[in-house]
Protein backbone atom coordinates (compact mmCIF):
# COMPACT_ATOMS: atom_id res chain seq x y z
CA MET A 1 39.48 3.20 3.71
CA VAL A 2 37.13 0.83 2.49
CA ALA A 3 36.97 -2.53 4.65
CA GLY A 4 40.66 -2.84 4.90
CA MET A 5 41.63 -1.97 1.92
CA ARG A 6 42.97 1.56 0.58
CA LEU A 7 42.41 3.25 -2.85
CA SER A 8 44.71 5.66 -3.91
CA ILE A 9 45.70 7.56 -7.52
CA TRP A 10 48.54 7.88 -9.33
CA PRO A 11 48.57 10.93 -11.66
CA THR A 12 51.34 10.68 -14.86
CA ALA A 13 53.50 13.49 -14.51
CA ALA A 14 53.49 13.39 -18.17
CA GLN A 15 50.54 16.35 -18.10
CA PRO A 16 50.42 19.55 -16.71
CA TYR A 17 50.71 20.40 -13.00
CA ALA A 18 47.17 21.69 -13.18
CA ASP A 19 45.79 18.59 -14.59
CA ILE A 20 47.58 16.93 -12.11
CA LEU A 21 46.44 18.31 -9.13
CA GLU A 22 42.98 18.71 -10.48
CA VAL A 23 43.12 15.39 -10.25
CA ALA A 24 44.58 14.66 -6.59
CA ALA A 25 42.09 17.22 -5.16
CA HIS A 26 39.25 15.63 -6.54
CA ALA A 27 40.45 12.47 -5.08
CA ALA A 28 41.16 13.92 -1.72
CA ALA A 29 37.72 15.78 -1.88
CA THR A 30 36.12 12.26 -2.73
CA GLY A 31 37.59 9.80 0.05
CA TRP A 32 39.82 8.52 -2.08
CA ASP A 33 43.36 7.33 0.43
CA GLY A 34 46.26 8.48 -1.16
CA VAL A 35 48.07 10.18 -4.14
CA TRP A 36 51.47 8.52 -5.72
CA ILE A 37 54.16 9.82 -8.04
CA ALA A 38 56.37 8.29 -10.57
CA ASP A 39 60.17 9.39 -10.22
CA HIS A 40 61.21 9.53 -14.21
CA PHE A 41 62.21 12.57 -16.45
CA MET A 42 60.95 11.73 -19.42
CA ALA A 43 59.39 8.57 -21.52
CA ASN A 44 60.41 4.64 -21.52
CA LYS A 45 62.39 4.94 -25.26
CA PRO A 46 65.20 2.96 -26.51
CA VAL A 47 68.48 4.87 -26.34
CA GLY A 48 68.44 7.06 -29.34
CA GLU A 49 64.83 7.27 -29.77
CA PRO A 50 63.47 10.79 -29.47
CA VAL A 51 61.29 11.58 -26.16
CA ASP A 52 58.91 13.53 -27.00
CA LEU A 53 56.74 13.36 -23.99
CA PRO A 54 57.38 16.43 -21.47
CA VAL A 55 57.94 15.11 -17.62
CA LEU A 56 57.88 16.97 -14.19
CA GLU A 57 60.07 15.97 -11.69
CA ALA A 58 58.87 13.69 -8.44
CA GLY A 59 60.14 15.27 -5.97
CA SER A 60 59.41 19.21 -6.65
CA LEU A 61 54.93 17.41 -7.41
CA VAL A 62 54.95 15.61 -4.27
CA ALA A 63 56.38 18.93 -2.26
CA ALA A 64 53.76 21.11 -4.33
CA LEU A 65 50.85 18.72 -4.11
CA GLY A 66 51.41 18.44 -0.28
CA ALA A 67 51.31 21.97 0.40
CA ALA A 68 47.98 21.99 -1.78
CA VAL A 69 45.88 19.01 -1.45
CA PRO A 70 44.67 17.82 2.10
CA ARG A 71 44.11 15.04 4.46
CA VAL A 72 45.55 11.98 1.61
CA ARG A 73 48.82 10.17 2.06
CA ILE A 74 51.65 11.04 -0.92
CA GLY A 75 54.04 9.42 -1.94
CA THR A 76 56.87 8.55 -4.59
CA LEU A 77 56.48 5.36 -6.48
CA VAL A 78 59.15 5.35 -6.63
CA TYR A 79 62.42 7.53 -6.63
CA GLY A 80 65.29 5.89 -8.63
CA ASN A 81 68.63 5.36 -6.05
CA THR A 82 70.82 6.11 -8.86
CA TYR A 83 69.52 9.43 -9.58
CA ARG A 84 70.36 11.13 -5.91
CA HIS A 85 72.64 10.62 -2.73
CA PRO A 86 70.46 8.62 -0.29
CA ALA A 87 71.55 11.47 1.84
CA VAL A 88 69.68 14.05 -0.31
CA VAL A 89 66.40 11.79 -0.21
CA ALA A 90 66.49 11.75 3.28
CA ASN A 91 66.28 15.43 3.49
CA MET A 92 63.73 15.40 0.83
CA ALA A 93 62.02 13.44 2.51
CA ALA A 94 61.77 14.83 6.01
CA THR A 95 61.32 17.99 4.22
CA VAL A 96 57.41 16.76 2.67
CA ASP A 97 56.50 15.00 5.57
CA HIS A 98 56.78 18.81 7.45
CA ILE A 99 55.33 19.77 4.37
CA THR A 100 52.64 17.51 4.35
CA GLY A 101 52.03 16.98 8.28
CA GLY A 102 53.10 14.00 8.30
CA ARG A 103 51.45 12.22 5.46
CA PHE A 104 54.39 11.25 3.39
CA VAL A 105 55.73 7.81 2.35
CA LEU A 106 59.16 7.77 0.56
CA GLY A 107 59.04 5.08 -2.26
CA VAL A 108 62.51 3.69 -2.87
CA GLY A 109 63.87 1.66 -5.58
CA ALA A 110 67.07 0.09 -7.12
CA GLY A 111 67.12 1.97 -10.56
CA TRP A 112 66.52 0.88 -13.97
CA GLN A 113 64.95 3.16 -17.00
CA VAL A 114 68.46 3.00 -19.47
CA ASN A 115 67.26 6.33 -21.41
CA GLU A 116 67.15 8.33 -18.89
CA HIS A 117 70.84 7.53 -17.77
CA ALA A 118 72.39 7.15 -20.70
CA GLN A 119 70.97 10.95 -21.62
CA TYR A 120 72.25 12.74 -18.26
CA GLY A 121 75.57 10.33 -18.13
CA ILE A 122 74.22 8.74 -15.07
CA GLY A 123 75.73 5.38 -14.29
CA LEU A 124 73.66 2.39 -14.72
CA PRO A 125 75.95 -0.85 -13.15
CA PRO A 126 75.27 -3.84 -13.90
CA VAL A 127 72.16 -6.01 -11.80
CA SER A 128 74.13 -7.30 -8.95
CA GLU A 129 76.03 -3.52 -8.32
CA LEU A 130 73.02 -1.74 -8.90
CA LEU A 131 71.02 -3.87 -5.91
CA ASP A 132 73.84 -3.25 -3.71
CA ARG A 133 74.10 -0.04 -4.08
CA PHE A 134 70.39 0.23 -3.14
CA VAL A 135 71.16 -1.84 -0.16
CA GLU A 136 73.66 0.54 1.08
CA ALA A 137 71.41 3.37 0.44
CA LEU A 138 68.37 2.30 2.35
CA GLN A 139 70.62 1.81 5.38
CA VAL A 140 72.01 5.08 4.58
CA LEU A 141 67.83 6.54 4.42
CA ARG A 142 67.16 4.30 7.92
CA GLY A 143 70.04 5.53 9.91
CA LEU A 144 69.14 9.46 8.48
CA LEU A 145 65.27 9.10 9.40
CA ARG A 146 65.27 7.35 12.46
CA THR A 147 68.44 7.95 14.64
CA PRO A 148 70.04 11.72 16.06
CA VAL A 149 73.37 10.77 14.29
CA THR A 150 74.40 8.49 11.73
CA THR A 151 78.38 6.88 10.18
CA PHE A 152 78.13 4.38 7.37
CA HIS A 153 81.23 3.35 5.59
CA GLY A 154 80.08 1.04 2.86
CA GLU A 155 81.60 -0.02 -0.50
CA HIS A 156 79.44 2.67 -2.37
CA TYR A 157 78.04 5.42 0.51
CA ARG A 158 80.41 6.64 3.46
CA LEU A 159 79.00 9.21 5.69
CA THR A 160 80.78 10.21 8.75
CA ASP A 161 78.44 11.93 11.83
CA ALA A 162 75.75 12.50 9.40
CA THR A 163 72.93 14.39 10.57
CA CYS A 164 69.25 15.06 8.83
CA ASP A 165 67.62 17.52 11.30
CA PRO A 166 64.45 18.34 11.17
CA LYS A 167 63.66 14.88 11.65
CA PRO A 168 60.26 13.85 10.12
CA VAL A 169 56.86 14.62 11.51
CA GLN A 170 56.29 10.60 11.62
CA ASP A 171 58.13 8.21 13.60
CA PRO A 172 59.53 6.18 11.76
CA LEU A 173 58.60 7.75 8.26
CA PRO A 174 57.02 4.80 6.57
CA ILE A 175 59.58 3.72 3.65
CA LEU A 176 58.25 1.76 0.28
CA ILE A 177 60.17 -0.36 -1.59
CA GLY A 178 59.21 -0.90 -5.25
CA ALA A 179 60.30 -4.61 -6.04
CA LYS A 180 59.37 -7.48 -8.58
CA GLY A 181 62.52 -9.75 -8.47
CA GLU A 182 61.86 -12.76 -6.34
CA LYS A 183 65.08 -14.24 -5.59
CA ARG A 184 66.72 -10.93 -4.31
CA MET A 185 64.37 -8.00 -4.31
CA LEU A 186 61.75 -9.17 -2.70
CA LYS A 187 64.27 -10.59 -0.01
CA VAL A 188 65.70 -6.78 0.52
CA VAL A 189 61.43 -5.93 1.08
CA ALA A 190 61.34 -8.73 3.60
CA GLU A 191 64.40 -6.99 5.44
CA TYR A 192 64.07 -2.92 5.41
CA ALA A 193 60.64 -2.10 3.96
CA ASP A 194 57.78 -1.33 5.95
CA GLU A 195 55.34 -1.34 2.53
CA TRP A 196 55.81 -3.25 -1.36
CA ASN A 197 54.45 -2.33 -4.32
CA THR A 198 54.96 -3.83 -7.45
CA TRP A 199 52.75 -4.22 -10.65
CA GLY A 200 50.57 -6.83 -11.25
CA LEU A 201 46.75 -8.90 -11.56
CA PRO A 202 45.75 -10.30 -8.07
CA GLU A 203 46.81 -13.85 -9.00
CA LEU A 204 50.68 -12.04 -9.86
CA ILE A 205 50.47 -10.57 -6.86
CA ALA A 206 49.20 -13.36 -4.43
CA HIS A 207 52.18 -15.11 -5.84
CA LYS A 208 54.85 -12.84 -4.95
CA SER A 209 53.20 -11.99 -1.85
CA ARG A 210 53.85 -15.56 -0.83
CA VAL A 211 57.23 -15.28 -2.04
CA LEU A 212 57.66 -11.98 0.56
CA ASP A 213 55.94 -13.98 3.40
CA GLU A 214 58.73 -17.00 2.72
CA HIS A 215 61.54 -14.10 2.82
CA CYS A 216 60.23 -12.08 6.15
CA ALA A 217 60.45 -16.00 7.72
CA THR A 218 63.71 -16.29 6.23
CA VAL A 219 64.77 -12.60 8.13
CA GLY A 220 62.63 -13.06 11.16
CA ARG A 221 60.42 -10.61 10.78
CA ASP A 222 56.66 -10.86 11.37
CA PRO A 223 55.31 -10.79 7.78
CA GLY A 224 52.10 -8.70 8.82
CA ALA A 225 54.44 -5.80 9.26
CA VAL A 226 54.88 -5.27 5.41
CA LYS A 227 51.98 -3.41 4.58
CA ARG A 228 51.21 -4.81 0.23
CA THR A 229 50.14 -2.45 -2.52
CA ALA A 230 49.80 -2.77 -6.13
CA GLN A 231 48.53 -1.29 -9.66
CA ALA A 232 47.39 -2.14 -12.79
CA LEU A 233 46.20 0.01 -15.34
CA VAL A 234 42.06 0.67 -15.47
CA VAL A 235 39.89 0.79 -18.16
CA VAL A 236 36.06 1.92 -17.09
CA ASP A 237 34.06 1.54 -20.19
CA GLY A 238 35.18 0.32 -22.87
CA PRO A 239 37.34 -2.12 -24.68
CA VAL A 240 40.63 -3.68 -22.83
CA PRO A 241 44.01 -2.92 -25.07
CA ALA A 242 45.27 -6.22 -25.76
CA ASP A 243 48.53 -4.40 -27.16
CA LEU A 244 49.82 -3.46 -23.56
CA THR A 245 52.82 -4.51 -21.52
CA ALA A 246 51.93 -3.27 -18.39
CA PRO A 247 48.81 -5.40 -16.64
CA VAL A 248 45.22 -4.07 -17.38
CA TYR A 249 42.08 -5.01 -15.73
CA GLY A 250 38.19 -3.36 -16.61
CA GLY A 251 36.32 -2.83 -19.46
CA SER A 252 33.16 -2.96 -17.74
CA ARG A 253 31.79 -1.99 -13.88
CA ALA A 254 31.97 -5.85 -13.47
CA ALA A 255 35.34 -6.75 -14.80
CA ILE A 256 36.47 -3.91 -11.99
CA ALA A 257 34.50 -5.36 -9.23
CA ALA A 258 35.93 -8.37 -10.26
CA ALA A 259 39.35 -7.76 -10.44
CA VAL A 260 39.25 -5.54 -6.94
CA GLU A 261 37.85 -8.50 -4.87
CA GLY A 262 40.31 -10.50 -6.56
CA TYR A 263 42.83 -8.20 -4.65
CA ARG A 264 40.89 -7.01 -1.65
CA GLU A 265 40.87 -11.54 -0.83
CA LEU A 266 44.44 -12.22 -1.49
CA GLY A 267 44.67 -9.20 1.47
CA LEU A 268 45.97 -6.41 -0.59
CA ASP A 269 46.66 -3.19 1.88
CA GLU A 270 46.62 -0.64 -0.74
CA LEU A 271 45.03 -0.56 -4.38
CA ILE A 272 46.36 2.03 -6.47
CA ILE A 273 44.90 3.10 -9.75
CA PRO A 274 47.31 4.77 -12.79
CA ASP A 275 45.10 7.15 -14.62
CA GLY A 276 46.98 6.35 -17.91
CA LEU A 277 43.86 5.04 -19.12
CA LEU A 278 41.26 7.34 -17.43
CA GLY A 279 40.82 10.12 -19.87
CA LYS A 280 41.07 13.73 -19.57
CA GLY A 281 39.51 16.26 -17.96
CA ALA A 282 36.08 15.53 -16.70
CA ALA A 283 35.96 12.53 -18.36
CA LYS A 284 38.72 11.63 -16.01
CA LEU A 285 36.93 12.94 -13.00
CA LYS A 286 34.31 10.75 -13.00
CA ALA A 287 36.00 7.86 -13.98
CA LEU A 288 37.39 8.19 -10.43
CA ASP A 289 34.17 8.49 -9.27
CA THR A 290 33.11 5.75 -10.94
CA ILE A 291 35.71 3.35 -9.60
CA ARG A 292 35.33 4.19 -6.08
CA SER A 293 31.81 3.58 -6.61
CA ILE A 294 32.49 0.02 -7.21
CA VAL A 295 34.96 0.09 -4.84
CA THR A 296 32.77 1.09 -1.97
CA THR A 297 30.32 -1.72 -3.02
CA PHE A 298 32.25 -3.91 -1.10
């Protein structure tokens, strides 16, 4: 942690496990604070379009990294609720928390990627039902992870005298919610999350953080109880691509420093760096070192 803000790496799961492990181990050895893994099974493309990019599964990855990489927090960014029953996710999370000795963060979201659902025959309901299911799943997760026995009779999930043993090492195990929708999802964050994550540059994150504060006030929760985390793609050296749909910053040390300072000034608790534009092999590790050296100058 540098001046109150964690710095973490997000290695894409669309690369060999040896490369993911190399990045995670390097981050742990050089003072980074966390490693995050996305929960997808394929590239996001229109339904029917071929997907030719192999992607490793998130739950298996966080368990493997948790056993192999010391010290840093390890989390999912984020488990899609539609892919697994929340009772299964609770047991997975508790197990990984034991594997890591209490370093796991359970990141969850409502689910969204259309081609994954279409290929695997997994239902992707209308948004209102999708969010209703997600809220019920959060109640199931909190019950199983934080209470001895859970009975829950919802519209989408039903549990009777259900247990999740062993409980996580952490009490409570932190639940992170990935959310950007201001009307409903950020209210869900205010009600249920220990940590919140979204994509964006500092100006957007500052705006959404203010909206989250308003929702916290509405539900009677201290805004400081919800940690704020965010990410955008980073270019360490060279031109910043103009055709990306994801937010991106950098191109020089000065530009990276300006963005980092913007995140720090808005009170971000954790800045996450996706590795998608950082090169490969030794070049990627050098880019990680450069980013950390910039962040530690503040």
